[in-house]
């Protein structure tokens, strides 16, 4: 995530989750951190763009059969929206 919030749309990804549970949020944070060890931030931003389209169709953020890291698949069901 960029230092300045205004740069977020161009340089970062912000997830809004379906849960407010502290333990779930910690686990989701860890999954995103792990995903960034497997994909670059630019790739994550691309995945997020595709995921936004899927969410708008009522589909999961990342389909279970997508060729993506398991860490992204695990957080998929908790993604409410993405900026």
N, C-alpha and C. Protein backbone atom coordinates (compact mmCIF):
# COMPACT_ATOMS: atom_id res chain seq x y z
N UNK A 1 0.85 -1.17 0.00
CA UNK A 1 0.00 0.00 0.00
C UNK A 1 0.90 1.23 0.00
N UNK A 2 0.62 2.19 -0.88
CA UNK A 2 1.46 3.39 -0.91
C UNK A 2 1.31 4.23 0.35
N UNK A 3 2.28 5.07 0.60
CA UNK A 3 2.28 5.92 1.79
C UNK A 3 1.13 6.92 1.73
N UNK A 4 0.93 7.52 0.57
CA UNK A 4 -0.16 8.50 0.41
C UNK A 4 -1.41 7.82 -0.12
N UNK A 5 -2.52 7.99 0.57
CA UNK A 5 -3.78 7.34 0.21
C UNK A 5 -4.20 7.69 -1.21
N UNK A 6 -3.92 8.90 -1.66
CA UNK A 6 -4.33 9.31 -3.01
C UNK A 6 -3.66 8.50 -4.10
N UNK A 7 -2.51 7.89 -3.79
CA UNK A 7 -1.81 7.07 -4.77
C UNK A 7 -2.33 5.64 -4.83
N UNK A 8 -3.24 5.30 -3.93
CA UNK A 8 -3.73 3.93 -3.84
C UNK A 8 -4.29 3.40 -5.16
N UNK A 9 -5.17 4.12 -5.86
CA UNK A 9 -5.72 3.55 -7.09
C UNK A 9 -4.66 3.23 -8.15
N UNK A 10 -3.58 3.96 -8.17
CA UNK A 10 -2.55 3.74 -9.18
C UNK A 10 -1.47 2.76 -8.74
N UNK A 11 -1.24 2.63 -7.44
CA UNK A 11 -0.09 1.86 -6.99
C UNK A 11 -0.39 0.74 -6.01
N UNK A 12 -1.56 0.68 -5.46
CA UNK A 12 -1.84 -0.31 -4.43
C UNK A 12 -3.16 -1.02 -4.62
N UNK A 13 -3.50 -1.81 -3.64
CA UNK A 13 -4.76 -2.55 -3.61
C UNK A 13 -5.31 -2.44 -2.19
N UNK A 14 -6.57 -2.14 -2.08
CA UNK A 14 -7.20 -2.10 -0.76
C UNK A 14 -8.40 -3.04 -0.79
N UNK A 15 -8.40 -3.99 0.13
CA UNK A 15 -9.50 -4.94 0.24
C UNK A 15 -10.46 -4.49 1.32
N UNK A 16 -11.74 -4.66 1.06
CA UNK A 16 -12.77 -4.48 2.08
C UNK A 16 -13.35 -5.88 2.32
N UNK A 17 -13.34 -6.27 3.57
CA UNK A 17 -13.69 -7.64 3.93
C UNK A 17 -15.14 -7.77 4.38
N UNK A 18 -15.66 -8.98 4.33
CA UNK A 18 -17.01 -9.27 4.78
C UNK A 18 -17.06 -9.55 6.28
N UNK A 19 -15.92 -9.51 6.93
CA UNK A 19 -15.85 -9.81 8.37
C UNK A 19 -15.17 -8.67 9.12
N UNK A 20 -15.51 -8.54 10.36
CA UNK A 20 -14.83 -7.58 11.23
C UNK A 20 -14.15 -8.29 12.39
N UNK A 21 -14.21 -9.62 12.37
CA UNK A 21 -13.62 -10.42 13.44
C UNK A 21 -12.10 -10.26 13.43
N UNK A 22 -11.55 -9.92 14.58
CA UNK A 22 -10.12 -9.64 14.70
C UNK A 22 -9.25 -10.81 14.24
N UNK A 23 -9.60 -12.02 14.62
CA UNK A 23 -8.81 -13.20 14.23
C UNK A 23 -8.88 -13.43 12.72
N UNK A 24 -10.09 -13.29 12.17
CA UNK A 24 -10.24 -13.44 10.71
C UNK A 24 -9.43 -12.38 9.98
N UNK A 25 -9.48 -11.14 10.45
CA UNK A 25 -8.74 -10.07 9.80
C UNK A 25 -7.23 -10.31 9.86
N UNK A 26 -6.75 -10.83 10.96
CA UNK A 26 -5.32 -11.16 11.07
C UNK A 26 -4.95 -12.24 10.08
N UNK A 27 -5.79 -13.26 9.98
CA UNK A 27 -5.53 -14.36 9.04
C UNK A 27 -5.56 -13.85 7.60
N UNK A 28 -6.51 -12.97 7.28
CA UNK A 28 -6.59 -12.41 5.93
C UNK A 28 -5.37 -11.56 5.61
N UNK A 29 -4.93 -10.77 6.59
CA UNK A 29 -3.71 -9.98 6.40
C UNK A 29 -2.53 -10.89 6.09
N UNK A 30 -2.42 -11.98 6.84
CA UNK A 30 -1.33 -12.93 6.62
C UNK A 30 -1.42 -13.59 5.24
N UNK A 31 -2.64 -13.86 4.79
CA UNK A 31 -2.81 -14.45 3.46
C UNK A 31 -2.39 -13.48 2.37
N UNK A 32 -2.73 -12.19 2.52
CA UNK A 32 -2.32 -11.19 1.53
C UNK A 32 -0.79 -11.07 1.54
N UNK A 33 -0.20 -11.03 2.72
CA UNK A 33 1.25 -10.95 2.83
C UNK A 33 1.91 -12.16 2.16
N UNK A 34 1.35 -13.32 2.39
CA UNK A 34 1.89 -14.53 1.76
C UNK A 34 1.71 -14.47 0.25
N UNK A 35 0.58 -14.00 -0.22
CA UNK A 35 0.34 -13.88 -1.66
C UNK A 35 1.38 -12.98 -2.31
N UNK A 36 1.78 -11.92 -1.61
CA UNK A 36 2.77 -11.00 -2.16
C UNK A 36 4.17 -11.60 -2.21
N UNK A 37 4.35 -12.75 -1.62
CA UNK A 37 5.60 -13.49 -1.77
C UNK A 37 5.57 -14.35 -3.04
N UNK A 38 4.35 -14.54 -3.57
CA UNK A 38 4.19 -15.40 -4.75
C UNK A 38 3.86 -14.61 -6.02
N UNK A 39 3.28 -13.44 -5.87
CA UNK A 39 2.96 -12.56 -7.01
C UNK A 39 3.45 -11.16 -6.69
N UNK A 40 3.71 -10.38 -7.72
CA UNK A 40 4.12 -9.00 -7.50
C UNK A 40 2.90 -8.14 -7.19
N UNK A 41 3.15 -6.94 -6.68
CA UNK A 41 2.05 -6.02 -6.41
C UNK A 41 1.31 -5.69 -7.70
N UNK A 42 2.05 -5.51 -8.79
CA UNK A 42 1.41 -5.23 -10.08
C UNK A 42 0.50 -6.39 -10.50
N UNK A 43 0.96 -7.63 -10.28
CA UNK A 43 0.12 -8.79 -10.60
C UNK A 43 -1.10 -8.85 -9.70
N UNK A 44 -0.91 -8.53 -8.42
CA UNK A 44 -2.04 -8.52 -7.49
C UNK A 44 -3.07 -7.48 -7.91
N UNK A 45 -2.58 -6.32 -8.37
CA UNK A 45 -3.50 -5.29 -8.85
C UNK A 45 -4.28 -5.79 -10.06
N UNK A 46 -3.63 -6.51 -10.97
CA UNK A 46 -4.32 -7.08 -12.12
C UNK A 46 -5.36 -8.11 -11.71
N UNK A 47 -4.99 -8.97 -10.76
CA UNK A 47 -5.93 -9.96 -10.24
C UNK A 47 -7.12 -9.26 -9.59
N UNK A 48 -6.84 -8.18 -8.85
CA UNK A 48 -7.91 -7.42 -8.19
C UNK A 48 -8.88 -6.84 -9.21
N UNK A 49 -8.35 -6.34 -10.32
CA UNK A 49 -9.21 -5.78 -11.37
C UNK A 49 -10.14 -6.86 -11.95
N UNK A 50 -9.57 -8.03 -12.22
CA UNK A 50 -10.39 -9.14 -12.71
C UNK A 50 -11.40 -9.57 -11.64
N UNK A 51 -10.94 -9.61 -10.39
CA UNK A 51 -11.82 -10.00 -9.29
C UNK A 51 -12.99 -9.05 -9.11
N UNK A 52 -12.76 -7.76 -9.34
CA UNK A 52 -13.87 -6.79 -9.25
C UNK A 52 -14.97 -7.15 -10.23
N UNK A 53 -14.56 -7.50 -11.45
CA UNK A 53 -15.55 -7.90 -12.45
C UNK A 53 -16.31 -9.14 -12.04
N UNK A 54 -15.61 -10.12 -11.48
CA UNK A 54 -16.27 -11.34 -11.03
C UNK A 54 -17.24 -11.04 -9.89
N UNK A 55 -16.81 -10.19 -8.95
CA UNK A 55 -17.69 -9.83 -7.83
C UNK A 55 -18.95 -9.14 -8.33
N UNK A 56 -18.82 -8.30 -9.35
CA UNK A 56 -19.99 -7.59 -9.88
C UNK A 56 -20.99 -8.55 -10.53
N UNK A 57 -20.52 -9.73 -10.91
CA UNK A 57 -21.40 -10.76 -11.49
C UNK A 57 -21.93 -11.72 -10.43
N UNK A 58 -21.58 -11.46 -9.17
CA UNK A 58 -22.01 -12.33 -8.08
C UNK A 58 -21.17 -13.58 -7.92
N UNK A 59 -20.00 -13.58 -8.53
CA UNK A 59 -19.09 -14.72 -8.44
C UNK A 59 -18.02 -14.45 -7.39
N UNK A 60 -17.29 -15.49 -6.96
CA UNK A 60 -16.21 -15.27 -6.01
C UNK A 60 -15.10 -14.41 -6.61
N UNK A 61 -14.39 -13.70 -5.77
CA UNK A 61 -13.28 -12.85 -6.18
C UNK A 61 -12.24 -13.65 -6.97
N UNK A 62 -11.92 -14.85 -6.51
CA UNK A 62 -11.02 -15.77 -7.21
C UNK A 62 -11.71 -17.13 -7.26
N UNK A 63 -12.00 -17.62 -8.47
CA UNK A 63 -12.61 -18.96 -8.57
C UNK A 63 -11.67 -20.03 -8.02
N UNK A 64 -12.25 -21.10 -7.48
CA UNK A 64 -11.45 -22.18 -6.88
C UNK A 64 -10.51 -22.84 -7.89
N UNK A 65 -10.90 -22.84 -9.17
CA UNK A 65 -10.07 -23.51 -10.17
C UNK A 65 -9.10 -22.57 -10.88
N UNK A 66 -8.99 -21.34 -10.42
CA UNK A 66 -8.07 -20.37 -11.03
C UNK A 66 -6.63 -20.79 -10.77
N UNK A 67 -5.75 -20.59 -11.76
CA UNK A 67 -4.33 -20.94 -11.57
C UNK A 67 -3.58 -19.87 -10.79
N UNK A 68 -4.00 -19.67 -9.56
CA UNK A 68 -3.43 -18.65 -8.68
C UNK A 68 -3.01 -19.27 -7.36
N UNK A 69 -2.18 -18.57 -6.60
CA UNK A 69 -1.75 -19.10 -5.29
C UNK A 69 -2.94 -19.41 -4.38
N UNK A 70 -2.79 -20.47 -3.58
CA UNK A 70 -3.83 -20.86 -2.64
C UNK A 70 -4.16 -19.73 -1.66
N UNK A 71 -3.17 -18.91 -1.33
CA UNK A 71 -3.42 -17.81 -0.39
C UNK A 71 -4.50 -16.86 -0.94
N UNK A 72 -4.49 -16.62 -2.24
CA UNK A 72 -5.52 -15.76 -2.84
C UNK A 72 -6.88 -16.46 -2.87
N UNK A 73 -6.87 -17.74 -3.13
CA UNK A 73 -8.13 -18.50 -3.14
C UNK A 73 -8.76 -18.52 -1.76
N UNK A 74 -7.94 -18.63 -0.71
CA UNK A 74 -8.46 -18.70 0.65
C UNK A 74 -9.10 -17.39 1.09
N UNK A 75 -8.58 -16.26 0.62
CA UNK A 75 -9.17 -14.99 1.03
C UNK A 75 -10.36 -14.58 0.17
N UNK A 76 -10.53 -15.27 -0.95
CA UNK A 76 -11.55 -14.92 -1.92
C UNK A 76 -12.96 -14.77 -1.32
N UNK A 77 -13.33 -15.68 -0.46
CA UNK A 77 -14.69 -15.69 0.07
C UNK A 77 -14.95 -14.56 1.08
N UNK A 78 -13.91 -13.88 1.50
CA UNK A 78 -14.05 -12.78 2.45
C UNK A 78 -13.99 -11.40 1.79
N UNK A 79 -13.74 -11.35 0.48
CA UNK A 79 -13.61 -10.06 -0.21
C UNK A 79 -15.00 -9.51 -0.50
N UNK A 80 -15.24 -8.34 0.06
CA UNK A 80 -16.50 -7.63 -0.16
C UNK A 80 -16.38 -6.73 -1.38
N UNK A 81 -15.28 -5.96 -1.43
CA UNK A 81 -14.97 -5.12 -2.58
C UNK A 81 -13.49 -4.77 -2.54
N UNK A 82 -13.02 -4.26 -3.68
CA UNK A 82 -11.60 -3.96 -3.84
C UNK A 82 -11.46 -2.56 -4.43
N UNK A 83 -10.48 -1.82 -3.91
CA UNK A 83 -10.16 -0.49 -4.47
C UNK A 83 -8.77 -0.59 -5.05
